[in-house]
Amino acid sequence: MKKRSLVIAALVIAVLLVSIPSCSSLKVKRIDENENIDLSGSWNDTDIRQVCSSLIDSCLSGGWINSYILDKPAIRVGRIVNNSSEHIDTAIIAQKIEEALINSGKTKFLADSSTISQVRQEQADQQYFAADPVALAAETGADFLLQGSVRTNVDQIEGKTVRTYYVSLELVNVQTAEKSWVGNDTVKKYITRSKYSL
């Protein structure tokens, strides 16, 4: 009898624990895209804004651009590699840098390597199927290749973590292979986690 009561009590508790999450309601609230919110302590949109703003300012104030007064330098985005300890979509960083540099009116940006293969296929198709095909071998050559990486360093102990992100970008002169500009920015986070007691 005692065993049966314990089994029934365990089943009741199990049913209650399973049903508790289903009783919760979902709420969604639109917020300003520039509002800083940190939920997990991981890389987020605030970090992207901070890093891109810093690197864009550094790039546009670099001395390399002064030698291109008459003609805007053409830049192609290469690889921005995620060497961090978490998932970071580096394409977002590349796109924000590209957008800012184009909108500055001081540079031209060329299609990246994945897009250029589609463009070249379109050019080839036009040679056979279009009445007025584009000219082949008429692409703008890149003056610079933009590339970089994201790295992290994590130090943690007893619910405390310091997570540091190092983002570096560089412009490499395609003609000479010289680095014409190097920019770095760091995001450092101190994260504490409290233990929850039931």
N, C-alpha and C. Protein backbone atom coordinates (compact mmCIF):
# COMPACT_ATOMS: atom_id res chain seq x y z
N MET A 1 0.82 -1.20 0.00
CA MET A 1 0.00 0.00 0.00
C MET A 1 0.86 1.26 0.00
N LYS A 2 1.95 1.21 0.83
CA LYS A 2 2.84 2.36 0.92
C LYS A 2 3.57 2.59 -0.41
N LYS A 3 3.97 1.45 -1.06
CA LYS A 3 4.63 1.56 -2.36
C LYS A 3 3.70 2.17 -3.39
N ARG A 4 2.45 1.73 -3.37
CA ARG A 4 1.47 2.24 -4.34
C ARG A 4 1.27 3.74 -4.16
N SER A 5 1.18 4.20 -2.92
CA SER A 5 1.01 5.63 -2.63
C SER A 5 2.21 6.42 -3.14
N LEU A 6 3.41 5.88 -2.96
CA LEU A 6 4.61 6.56 -3.43
C LEU A 6 4.64 6.64 -4.96
N VAL A 7 4.22 5.57 -5.62
CA VAL A 7 4.17 5.56 -7.09
C VAL A 7 3.17 6.58 -7.59
N ILE A 8 2.00 6.64 -6.96
CA ILE A 8 0.96 7.61 -7.37
C ILE A 8 1.46 9.03 -7.13
N ALA A 9 2.10 9.26 -6.01
CA ALA A 9 2.62 10.60 -5.71
C ALA A 9 3.69 11.00 -6.72
N ALA A 10 4.54 10.05 -7.08
CA ALA A 10 5.59 10.33 -8.08
C ALA A 10 4.97 10.66 -9.43
N LEU A 11 3.93 9.92 -9.81
CA LEU A 11 3.24 10.19 -11.08
C LEU A 11 2.59 11.56 -11.08
N VAL A 12 1.96 11.93 -9.98
CA VAL A 12 1.32 13.24 -9.88
C VAL A 12 2.35 14.36 -10.02
N ILE A 13 3.49 14.19 -9.34
CA ILE A 13 4.57 15.19 -9.43
C ILE A 13 5.10 15.28 -10.85
N ALA A 14 5.27 14.12 -11.49
CA ALA A 14 5.78 14.11 -12.87
C ALA A 14 4.83 14.83 -13.81
N VAL A 15 3.51 14.56 -13.64
CA VAL A 15 2.51 15.22 -14.49
C VAL A 15 2.53 16.72 -14.26
N LEU A 16 2.65 17.14 -13.02
CA LEU A 16 2.70 18.57 -12.71
C LEU A 16 3.93 19.24 -13.32
N LEU A 17 5.07 18.56 -13.22
CA LEU A 17 6.31 19.13 -13.78
C LEU A 17 6.23 19.24 -15.29
N VAL A 18 5.60 18.27 -15.93
CA VAL A 18 5.47 18.31 -17.39
C VAL A 18 4.48 19.38 -17.82
N SER A 19 3.43 19.58 -17.04
CA SER A 19 2.39 20.53 -17.43
C SER A 19 2.73 21.97 -17.12
N ILE A 20 3.68 22.23 -16.21
CA ILE A 20 4.02 23.61 -15.84
C ILE A 20 4.49 24.43 -17.04
N PRO A 21 5.44 23.93 -17.87
CA PRO A 21 5.87 24.74 -19.01
C PRO A 21 4.74 25.05 -19.99
N SER A 22 3.78 24.11 -20.12
CA SER A 22 2.71 24.34 -21.08
C SER A 22 1.73 25.40 -20.59
N CYS A 23 1.77 25.72 -19.30
CA CYS A 23 0.89 26.76 -18.75
C CYS A 23 1.44 28.16 -19.03
N SER A 24 2.70 28.26 -19.39
CA SER A 24 3.28 29.57 -19.62
C SER A 24 2.76 30.16 -20.93
N SER A 25 2.75 31.48 -21.01
CA SER A 25 2.29 32.14 -22.24
C SER A 25 3.47 32.84 -22.90
N LEU A 26 3.37 32.97 -24.20
CA LEU A 26 4.42 33.61 -24.98
C LEU A 26 4.07 35.07 -25.20
N LYS A 27 5.02 35.95 -24.94
CA LYS A 27 4.83 37.37 -25.20
C LYS A 27 5.96 37.86 -26.08
N VAL A 28 5.63 38.62 -27.08
CA VAL A 28 6.63 39.21 -27.98
C VAL A 28 6.44 40.71 -27.97
N LYS A 29 7.52 41.42 -27.80
CA LYS A 29 7.47 42.88 -27.77
C LYS A 29 8.51 43.43 -28.73
N ARG A 30 8.14 44.31 -29.60
CA ARG A 30 9.09 44.95 -30.52
C ARG A 30 9.90 45.99 -29.74
N ILE A 31 11.21 45.98 -29.99
CA ILE A 31 12.08 46.93 -29.30
C ILE A 31 12.94 47.64 -30.33
N ASP A 32 13.54 48.74 -29.92
CA ASP A 32 14.43 49.49 -30.80
C ASP A 32 15.65 48.66 -31.15
N GLU A 33 16.02 48.66 -32.42
CA GLU A 33 17.14 47.82 -32.87
C GLU A 33 18.47 48.19 -32.21
N ASN A 34 18.57 49.41 -31.68
CA ASN A 34 19.81 49.84 -31.04
C ASN A 34 19.82 49.65 -29.52
N GLU A 35 18.74 49.06 -29.00
CA GLU A 35 18.69 48.83 -27.55
C GLU A 35 19.65 47.70 -27.20
N ASN A 36 20.44 47.93 -26.16
CA ASN A 36 21.43 46.94 -25.74
C ASN A 36 20.80 45.94 -24.78
N ILE A 37 20.75 44.68 -25.20
CA ILE A 37 20.21 43.62 -24.36
C ILE A 37 21.18 42.44 -24.39
N ASP A 38 21.57 41.98 -23.21
CA ASP A 38 22.42 40.80 -23.10
C ASP A 38 21.65 39.74 -22.32
N LEU A 39 21.33 38.64 -22.97
CA LEU A 39 20.62 37.56 -22.29
C LEU A 39 21.56 36.45 -21.84
N SER A 40 22.46 36.04 -22.72
CA SER A 40 23.31 34.88 -22.42
C SER A 40 24.76 35.25 -22.12
N GLY A 41 25.16 36.44 -22.49
CA GLY A 41 26.57 36.81 -22.37
C GLY A 41 27.37 36.47 -23.60
N SER A 42 26.74 35.80 -24.58
CA SER A 42 27.41 35.44 -25.82
C SER A 42 27.42 36.63 -26.79
N TRP A 43 28.12 36.45 -27.90
CA TRP A 43 28.19 37.45 -28.97
C TRP A 43 26.78 37.80 -29.42
N ASN A 44 26.50 39.11 -29.58
CA ASN A 44 25.15 39.51 -30.00
C ASN A 44 25.20 40.77 -30.86
N ASP A 45 24.02 41.31 -31.17
CA ASP A 45 23.94 42.45 -32.09
C ASP A 45 24.60 43.70 -31.53
N THR A 46 24.61 43.87 -30.22
CA THR A 46 25.29 45.02 -29.62
C THR A 46 26.78 44.96 -29.90
N ASP A 47 27.35 43.78 -29.80
CA ASP A 47 28.77 43.60 -30.08
C ASP A 47 29.08 43.89 -31.54
N ILE A 48 28.20 43.45 -32.43
CA ILE A 48 28.39 43.71 -33.86
C ILE A 48 28.39 45.21 -34.13
N ARG A 49 27.44 45.93 -33.55
CA ARG A 49 27.37 47.38 -33.75
C ARG A 49 28.64 48.06 -33.25
N GLN A 50 29.08 47.68 -32.05
CA GLN A 50 30.27 48.30 -31.45
C GLN A 50 31.50 48.05 -32.31
N VAL A 51 31.71 46.80 -32.69
CA VAL A 51 32.90 46.43 -33.45
C VAL A 51 32.89 47.09 -34.83
N CYS A 52 31.76 47.01 -35.51
CA CYS A 52 31.71 47.57 -36.87
C CYS A 52 31.89 49.08 -36.86
N SER A 53 31.27 49.76 -35.91
CA SER A 53 31.42 51.21 -35.83
C SER A 53 32.89 51.60 -35.65
N SER A 54 33.56 50.92 -34.75
CA SER A 54 34.97 51.21 -34.48
C SER A 54 35.84 50.92 -35.71
N LEU A 55 35.63 49.77 -36.34
CA LEU A 55 36.47 49.38 -37.48
C LEU A 55 36.19 50.25 -38.71
N ILE A 56 34.95 50.65 -38.90
CA ILE A 56 34.62 51.51 -40.04
C ILE A 56 35.31 52.87 -39.88
N ASP A 57 35.22 53.44 -38.68
CA ASP A 57 35.89 54.73 -38.43
C ASP A 57 37.39 54.62 -38.66
N SER A 58 37.98 53.54 -38.18
CA SER A 58 39.41 53.33 -38.34
C SER A 58 39.79 53.19 -39.81
N CYS A 59 39.00 52.43 -40.54
CA CYS A 59 39.30 52.19 -41.95
C CYS A 59 39.21 53.48 -42.77
N LEU A 60 38.14 54.24 -42.55
CA LEU A 60 37.94 55.46 -43.35
C LEU A 60 38.90 56.58 -42.98
N SER A 61 39.48 56.51 -41.80
CA SER A 61 40.45 57.55 -41.41
C SER A 61 41.88 57.11 -41.67
N GLY A 62 42.04 55.90 -42.21
CA GLY A 62 43.38 55.39 -42.49
C GLY A 62 44.03 56.12 -43.65
N GLY A 63 45.33 56.23 -43.62
CA GLY A 63 46.07 56.96 -44.65
C GLY A 63 46.01 56.30 -46.02
N TRP A 64 45.69 55.01 -46.09
CA TRP A 64 45.66 54.30 -47.37
C TRP A 64 44.70 54.94 -48.36
N ILE A 65 43.58 55.49 -47.86
CA ILE A 65 42.54 55.99 -48.76
C ILE A 65 42.92 57.32 -49.39
N ASN A 66 43.89 58.03 -48.81
CA ASN A 66 44.30 59.34 -49.34
C ASN A 66 44.97 59.25 -50.69
N SER A 67 45.50 58.09 -51.03
CA SER A 67 46.14 57.94 -52.34
C SER A 67 45.14 57.65 -53.45
N TYR A 68 43.85 57.61 -53.10
CA TYR A 68 42.79 57.37 -54.09
C TYR A 68 41.85 58.56 -54.16
N ILE A 69 42.39 59.70 -54.50
CA ILE A 69 41.59 60.92 -54.55
C ILE A 69 40.79 60.98 -55.85
N LEU A 70 41.42 60.63 -56.97
CA LEU A 70 40.76 60.75 -58.28
C LEU A 70 39.85 59.58 -58.59
N ASP A 71 40.18 58.41 -58.13
CA ASP A 71 39.37 57.23 -58.42
C ASP A 71 39.16 56.44 -57.14
N LYS A 72 37.92 55.99 -56.92
CA LYS A 72 37.62 55.24 -55.71
C LYS A 72 38.28 53.86 -55.77
N PRO A 73 38.89 53.42 -54.68
CA PRO A 73 39.48 52.07 -54.67
C PRO A 73 38.38 51.01 -54.70
N ALA A 74 38.64 49.94 -55.44
CA ALA A 74 37.69 48.83 -55.53
C ALA A 74 38.10 47.75 -54.53
N ILE A 75 37.14 47.35 -53.71
CA ILE A 75 37.41 46.39 -52.64
C ILE A 75 36.54 45.15 -52.83
N ARG A 76 37.14 43.99 -52.63
CA ARG A 76 36.39 42.75 -52.62
C ARG A 76 36.51 42.14 -51.23
N VAL A 77 35.40 41.63 -50.71
CA VAL A 77 35.43 40.99 -49.40
C VAL A 77 35.92 39.55 -49.57
N GLY A 78 36.98 39.24 -48.83
CA GLY A 78 37.48 37.87 -48.79
C GLY A 78 36.85 37.13 -47.63
N ARG A 79 37.65 36.36 -46.95
CA ARG A 79 37.13 35.56 -45.83
C ARG A 79 37.31 36.29 -44.51
N ILE A 80 36.24 36.33 -43.73
CA ILE A 80 36.33 36.74 -42.33
C ILE A 80 36.04 35.47 -41.55
N VAL A 81 37.07 34.92 -40.95
CA VAL A 81 37.01 33.59 -40.37
C VAL A 81 36.59 33.65 -38.91
N ASN A 82 35.70 32.75 -38.52
CA ASN A 82 35.30 32.65 -37.13
C ASN A 82 36.20 31.63 -36.43
N ASN A 83 37.18 32.13 -35.70
CA ASN A 83 38.05 31.27 -34.91
C ASN A 83 37.69 31.35 -33.42
N SER A 84 36.47 31.76 -33.14
CA SER A 84 36.05 31.92 -31.75
C SER A 84 35.54 30.59 -31.20
N SER A 85 35.18 30.62 -29.93
CA SER A 85 34.69 29.42 -29.26
C SER A 85 33.17 29.26 -29.39
N GLU A 86 32.52 30.10 -30.17
CA GLU A 86 31.07 30.00 -30.35
C GLU A 86 30.69 30.34 -31.78
N HIS A 87 29.43 30.10 -32.12
CA HIS A 87 28.98 30.40 -33.48
C HIS A 87 28.84 31.92 -33.65
N ILE A 88 29.54 32.46 -34.62
CA ILE A 88 29.42 33.87 -34.97
C ILE A 88 29.27 33.96 -36.48
N ASP A 89 28.20 34.59 -36.92
CA ASP A 89 27.97 34.76 -38.36
C ASP A 89 28.78 35.96 -38.84
N THR A 90 29.96 35.69 -39.37
CA THR A 90 30.86 36.76 -39.78
C THR A 90 30.37 37.48 -41.03
N ALA A 91 29.40 36.89 -41.74
CA ALA A 91 28.84 37.56 -42.92
C ALA A 91 28.14 38.85 -42.52
N ILE A 92 27.59 38.90 -41.32
CA ILE A 92 26.94 40.13 -40.84
C ILE A 92 27.97 41.24 -40.68
N ILE A 93 29.12 40.90 -40.13
CA ILE A 93 30.20 41.89 -39.97
C ILE A 93 30.63 42.39 -41.34
N ALA A 94 30.86 41.47 -42.26
CA ALA A 94 31.30 41.85 -43.61
C ALA A 94 30.29 42.76 -44.28
N GLN A 95 29.01 42.43 -44.15
CA GLN A 95 27.98 43.23 -44.81
C GLN A 95 27.89 44.63 -44.23
N LYS A 96 27.99 44.74 -42.92
CA LYS A 96 27.90 46.07 -42.29
C LYS A 96 29.10 46.94 -42.67
N ILE A 97 30.29 46.35 -42.72
CA ILE A 97 31.48 47.09 -43.14
C ILE A 97 31.32 47.52 -44.60
N GLU A 98 30.90 46.60 -45.43
CA GLU A 98 30.72 46.89 -46.85
C GLU A 98 29.72 48.01 -47.07
N GLU A 99 28.59 47.92 -46.38
CA GLU A 99 27.54 48.95 -46.51
C GLU A 99 28.07 50.33 -46.11
N ALA A 100 28.77 50.39 -45.00
CA ALA A 100 29.27 51.68 -44.52
C ALA A 100 30.31 52.27 -45.46
N LEU A 101 31.21 51.42 -45.98
CA LEU A 101 32.25 51.93 -46.87
C LEU A 101 31.66 52.38 -48.21
N ILE A 102 30.69 51.65 -48.72
CA ILE A 102 30.02 52.08 -49.96
C ILE A 102 29.30 53.40 -49.73
N ASN A 103 28.54 53.48 -48.65
CA ASN A 103 27.76 54.69 -48.36
C ASN A 103 28.63 55.89 -48.03
N SER A 104 29.90 55.66 -47.70
CA SER A 104 30.80 56.78 -47.44
C SER A 104 31.11 57.54 -48.72
N GLY A 105 30.89 56.89 -49.87
CA GLY A 105 31.19 57.51 -51.16
C GLY A 105 32.67 57.50 -51.49
N LYS A 106 33.49 56.83 -50.67
CA LYS A 106 34.94 56.86 -50.88
C LYS A 106 35.48 55.57 -51.51
N THR A 107 34.64 54.53 -51.59
CA THR A 107 35.11 53.26 -52.11
C THR A 107 34.07 52.62 -53.03
N LYS A 108 34.53 51.65 -53.81
CA LYS A 108 33.64 50.79 -54.59
C LYS A 108 33.81 49.39 -54.03
N PHE A 109 32.72 48.63 -53.97
CA PHE A 109 32.82 47.25 -53.51
C PHE A 109 32.43 46.32 -54.64
N LEU A 110 33.24 45.28 -54.80
CA LEU A 110 32.99 44.29 -55.83
C LEU A 110 32.28 43.09 -55.21
N ALA A 111 31.62 42.32 -56.07
CA ALA A 111 30.91 41.13 -55.59
C ALA A 111 31.89 40.18 -54.92
N ASP A 112 31.41 39.52 -53.86
CA ASP A 112 32.27 38.55 -53.18
C ASP A 112 32.42 37.29 -54.03
N SER A 113 33.26 36.37 -53.57
CA SER A 113 33.61 35.21 -54.39
C SER A 113 32.41 34.32 -54.70
N SER A 114 31.46 34.20 -53.77
CA SER A 114 30.29 33.36 -54.07
C SER A 114 29.37 34.02 -55.08
N THR A 115 29.25 35.35 -55.02
CA THR A 115 28.39 36.05 -55.97
C THR A 115 29.04 36.15 -57.34
N ILE A 116 30.35 36.34 -57.38
CA ILE A 116 31.02 36.54 -58.67
C ILE A 116 30.91 35.30 -59.55
N SER A 117 30.84 34.11 -58.95
CA SER A 117 30.68 32.91 -59.76
C SER A 117 29.32 32.89 -60.44
N GLN A 118 28.29 33.40 -59.76
CA GLN A 118 26.96 33.51 -60.38
C GLN A 118 26.96 34.56 -61.49
N VAL A 119 27.67 35.67 -61.24
CA VAL A 119 27.75 36.73 -62.25
C VAL A 119 28.45 36.19 -63.50
N ARG A 120 29.51 35.45 -63.31
CA ARG A 120 30.25 34.92 -64.46
C ARG A 120 29.42 33.89 -65.23
N GLN A 121 28.60 33.11 -64.51
CA GLN A 121 27.72 32.17 -65.19
C GLN A 121 26.69 32.92 -66.02
N GLU A 122 26.17 34.03 -65.46
CA GLU A 122 25.22 34.86 -66.21
C GLU A 122 25.88 35.45 -67.44
N GLN A 123 27.11 35.92 -67.30
CA GLN A 123 27.84 36.46 -68.46
C GLN A 123 28.00 35.40 -69.54
N ALA A 124 28.36 34.20 -69.13
CA ALA A 124 28.55 33.11 -70.11
C ALA A 124 27.24 32.75 -70.78
N ASP A 125 26.15 32.69 -70.00
CA ASP A 125 24.84 32.37 -70.58
C ASP A 125 24.41 33.43 -71.60
N GLN A 126 24.70 34.69 -71.30
CA GLN A 126 24.32 35.75 -72.22
C GLN A 126 25.01 35.63 -73.57
N GLN A 127 26.19 35.08 -73.59
CA GLN A 127 26.91 34.95 -74.87
C GLN A 127 26.15 34.08 -75.85
N TYR A 128 25.35 33.15 -75.33
CA TYR A 128 24.59 32.24 -76.18
C TYR A 128 23.13 32.62 -76.35
N PHE A 129 22.55 33.23 -75.32
CA PHE A 129 21.11 33.39 -75.31
C PHE A 129 20.61 34.83 -75.39
N ALA A 130 21.46 35.82 -75.18
CA ALA A 130 21.01 37.21 -75.19
C ALA A 130 21.31 37.87 -76.53
N ALA A 131 20.40 38.74 -76.97
CA ALA A 131 20.61 39.47 -78.22
C ALA A 131 21.71 40.52 -78.06
N ASP A 132 21.86 41.05 -76.85
CA ASP A 132 22.89 42.06 -76.59
C ASP A 132 23.71 41.65 -75.37
N PRO A 133 24.56 40.62 -75.50
CA PRO A 133 25.30 40.12 -74.34
C PRO A 133 26.32 41.14 -73.82
N VAL A 134 26.58 41.04 -72.52
CA VAL A 134 27.61 41.89 -71.94
C VAL A 134 28.97 41.43 -72.44
N ALA A 135 29.94 42.34 -72.41
CA ALA A 135 31.30 41.99 -72.86
C ALA A 135 31.97 41.12 -71.80
N LEU A 136 32.70 40.14 -72.25
CA LEU A 136 33.48 39.31 -71.33
C LEU A 136 34.79 40.01 -70.97
N ALA A 137 35.37 39.60 -69.89
CA ALA A 137 36.65 40.15 -69.42
C ALA A 137 36.60 41.66 -69.26
N ALA A 138 35.45 42.15 -68.77
CA ALA A 138 35.29 43.59 -68.56
C ALA A 138 35.04 43.93 -67.09
N GLU A 139 35.29 42.97 -66.21
CA GLU A 139 35.07 43.21 -64.79
C GLU A 139 36.06 44.24 -64.24
N THR A 140 35.61 44.94 -63.21
CA THR A 140 36.51 45.84 -62.49
C THR A 140 37.42 45.00 -61.61
N GLY A 141 38.69 45.22 -61.72
CA GLY A 141 39.65 44.48 -60.88
C GLY A 141 39.70 45.06 -59.48
N ALA A 142 39.88 44.20 -58.51
CA ALA A 142 39.95 44.65 -57.12
C ALA A 142 41.30 45.28 -56.83
N ASP A 143 41.27 46.43 -56.16
CA ASP A 143 42.50 47.04 -55.66
C ASP A 143 42.89 46.44 -54.31
N PHE A 144 41.85 46.08 -53.53
CA PHE A 144 42.09 45.57 -52.18
C PHE A 144 41.20 44.38 -51.89
N LEU A 145 41.70 43.50 -51.02
CA LEU A 145 40.93 42.38 -50.50
C LEU A 145 40.76 42.63 -49.00
N LEU A 146 39.49 42.63 -48.55
CA LEU A 146 39.19 42.82 -47.14
C LEU A 146 39.02 41.44 -46.50
N GLN A 147 39.80 41.16 -45.48
CA GLN A 147 39.70 39.87 -44.81
C GLN A 147 39.96 40.05 -43.33
N GLY A 148 39.68 39.00 -42.56
CA GLY A 148 39.91 39.13 -41.12
C GLY A 148 39.48 37.91 -40.35
N SER A 149 39.34 38.08 -39.05
CA SER A 149 38.99 36.95 -38.19
C SER A 149 38.36 37.45 -36.89
N VAL A 150 37.66 36.53 -36.23
CA VAL A 150 37.12 36.76 -34.89
C VAL A 150 37.69 35.65 -34.00
N ARG A 151 38.25 36.05 -32.87
CA ARG A 151 38.80 35.09 -31.92
C ARG A 151 38.25 35.41 -30.52
N THR A 152 38.26 34.40 -29.67
CA THR A 152 37.81 34.65 -28.30
C THR A 152 38.80 34.09 -27.29
N ASN A 153 38.75 34.66 -26.10
CA ASN A 153 39.47 34.13 -24.96
C ASN A 153 38.47 34.08 -23.82
N VAL A 154 38.36 32.93 -23.16
CA VAL A 154 37.39 32.76 -22.09
C VAL A 154 38.12 32.36 -20.81
N ASP A 155 37.84 33.10 -19.74
CA ASP A 155 38.40 32.81 -18.42
C ASP A 155 37.21 32.68 -17.47
N GLN A 156 37.11 31.54 -16.78
CA GLN A 156 35.94 31.36 -15.92
C GLN A 156 36.25 30.57 -14.67
N ILE A 157 35.47 30.87 -13.62
CA ILE A 157 35.59 30.14 -12.36
C ILE A 157 34.32 30.39 -11.54
N GLU A 158 33.75 29.34 -11.00
CA GLU A 158 32.64 29.40 -10.03
C GLU A 158 31.56 30.42 -10.40
N GLY A 159 30.97 30.27 -11.56
CA GLY A 159 29.86 31.13 -11.96
C GLY A 159 30.26 32.50 -12.48
N LYS A 160 31.55 32.75 -12.60
CA LYS A 160 32.04 34.03 -13.13
C LYS A 160 32.83 33.76 -14.40
N THR A 161 32.55 34.55 -15.43
CA THR A 161 33.23 34.37 -16.71
C THR A 161 33.64 35.72 -17.28
N VAL A 162 34.85 35.79 -17.78
CA VAL A 162 35.27 36.94 -18.58
C VAL A 162 35.48 36.41 -19.99
N ARG A 163 34.67 36.90 -20.91
CA ARG A 163 34.74 36.47 -22.31
C ARG A 163 35.19 37.67 -23.14
N THR A 164 36.31 37.50 -23.85
CA THR A 164 36.87 38.58 -24.64
C THR A 164 36.88 38.19 -26.11
N TYR A 165 36.34 39.07 -26.95
CA TYR A 165 36.29 38.85 -28.39
C TYR A 165 37.29 39.79 -29.06
N TYR A 166 38.12 39.24 -29.93
CA TYR A 166 39.08 40.03 -30.68
C TYR A 166 38.68 39.97 -32.15
N VAL A 167 38.33 41.11 -32.71
CA VAL A 167 37.92 41.17 -34.12
C VAL A 167 38.98 41.96 -34.87
N SER A 168 39.55 41.36 -35.90
CA SER A 168 40.56 42.06 -36.69
C SER A 168 40.21 41.98 -38.16
N LEU A 169 40.42 43.09 -38.84
CA LEU A 169 40.22 43.18 -40.29
C LEU A 169 41.46 43.79 -40.90
N GLU A 170 41.69 43.45 -42.17
CA GLU A 170 42.83 44.04 -42.87
C GLU A 170 42.49 44.20 -44.34
N LEU A 171 43.05 45.27 -44.93
CA LEU A 171 42.95 45.49 -46.37
C LEU A 171 44.30 45.14 -46.98
N VAL A 172 44.28 44.18 -47.89
CA VAL A 172 45.51 43.75 -48.54
C VAL A 172 45.50 44.27 -49.97
N ASN A 173 46.57 44.96 -50.36
CA ASN A 173 46.71 45.48 -51.72
C ASN A 173 46.90 44.28 -52.66
N VAL A 174 45.98 44.11 -53.61
CA VAL A 174 46.02 42.95 -54.50
C VAL A 174 47.25 42.99 -55.40
N GLN A 175 47.68 44.17 -55.81
CA GLN A 175 48.83 44.30 -56.70
C GLN A 175 50.13 43.94 -55.99
N THR A 176 50.31 44.45 -54.77
CA THR A 176 51.60 44.30 -54.10
C THR A 176 51.59 43.29 -52.95
N ALA A 177 50.39 42.84 -52.54
CA ALA A 177 50.21 41.94 -51.39
C ALA A 177 50.60 42.61 -50.08
N GLU A 178 50.73 43.94 -50.08
CA GLU A 178 51.02 44.67 -48.85
C GLU A 178 49.73 44.89 -48.06
N LYS A 179 49.84 44.89 -46.74
CA LYS A 179 48.71 45.25 -45.90
C LYS A 179 48.65 46.77 -45.83
N SER A 180 47.57 47.33 -46.38
CA SER A 180 47.45 48.79 -46.41
C SER A 180 46.76 49.35 -45.18
N TRP A 181 45.95 48.52 -44.53
CA TRP A 181 45.27 48.94 -43.30
C TRP A 181 44.98 47.70 -42.46
N VAL A 182 45.16 47.85 -41.17
CA VAL A 182 44.81 46.79 -40.22
C VAL A 182 44.01 47.44 -39.10
N GLY A 183 42.86 46.88 -38.81
CA GLY A 183 42.02 47.40 -37.73
C GLY A 183 41.65 46.30 -36.76
N ASN A 184 41.65 46.63 -35.48
CA ASN A 184 41.29 45.67 -34.43
C ASN A 184 40.33 46.31 -33.45
N ASP A 185 39.39 45.51 -32.97
CA ASP A 185 38.52 45.98 -31.90
C ASP A 185 38.29 44.82 -30.94
N THR A 186 38.07 45.16 -29.68
CA THR A 186 37.90 44.15 -28.64
C THR A 186 36.61 44.40 -27.88
N VAL A 187 35.90 43.33 -27.62
CA VAL A 187 34.70 43.37 -26.77
C VAL A 187 34.99 42.48 -25.58
N LYS A 188 34.89 43.02 -24.38
CA LYS A 188 35.18 42.25 -23.18
C LYS A 188 33.94 42.24 -22.29
N LYS A 189 33.52 41.04 -21.87
CA LYS A 189 32.30 40.91 -21.07
C LYS A 189 32.60 40.18 -19.77
N TYR A 190 32.06 40.72 -18.67
CA TYR A 190 32.14 40.05 -17.38
C TYR A 190 30.76 39.51 -17.08
N ILE A 191 30.65 38.20 -16.97
CA ILE A 191 29.36 37.53 -16.85
C ILE A 191 29.32 36.79 -15.52
N THR A 192 28.26 37.01 -14.76
CA THR A 192 28.09 36.26 -13.52
C THR A 192 26.79 35.46 -13.61
N ARG A 193 26.82 34.25 -13.08
CA ARG A 193 25.64 33.39 -13.08
C ARG A 193 25.34 33.01 -11.64
N SER A 194 24.10 33.28 -11.23
CA SER A 194 23.71 32.91 -9.86
C SER A 194 23.06 31.54 -9.88
N LYS A 195 23.21 30.80 -8.80
CA LYS A 195 22.61 29.48 -8.70
C LYS A 195 21.16 29.64 -8.23
N TYR A 196 20.27 28.88 -8.89
CA TYR A 196 18.88 28.91 -8.53
C TYR A 196 18.57 27.73 -7.61
N SER A 197 17.87 27.99 -6.55
CA SER A 197 17.48 26.91 -5.67
C SER A 197 15.99 26.66 -5.81
N LEU A 198 15.60 25.38 -5.82
CA LEU A 198 14.19 25.03 -5.97
C LEU A 198 13.51 24.97 -4.62
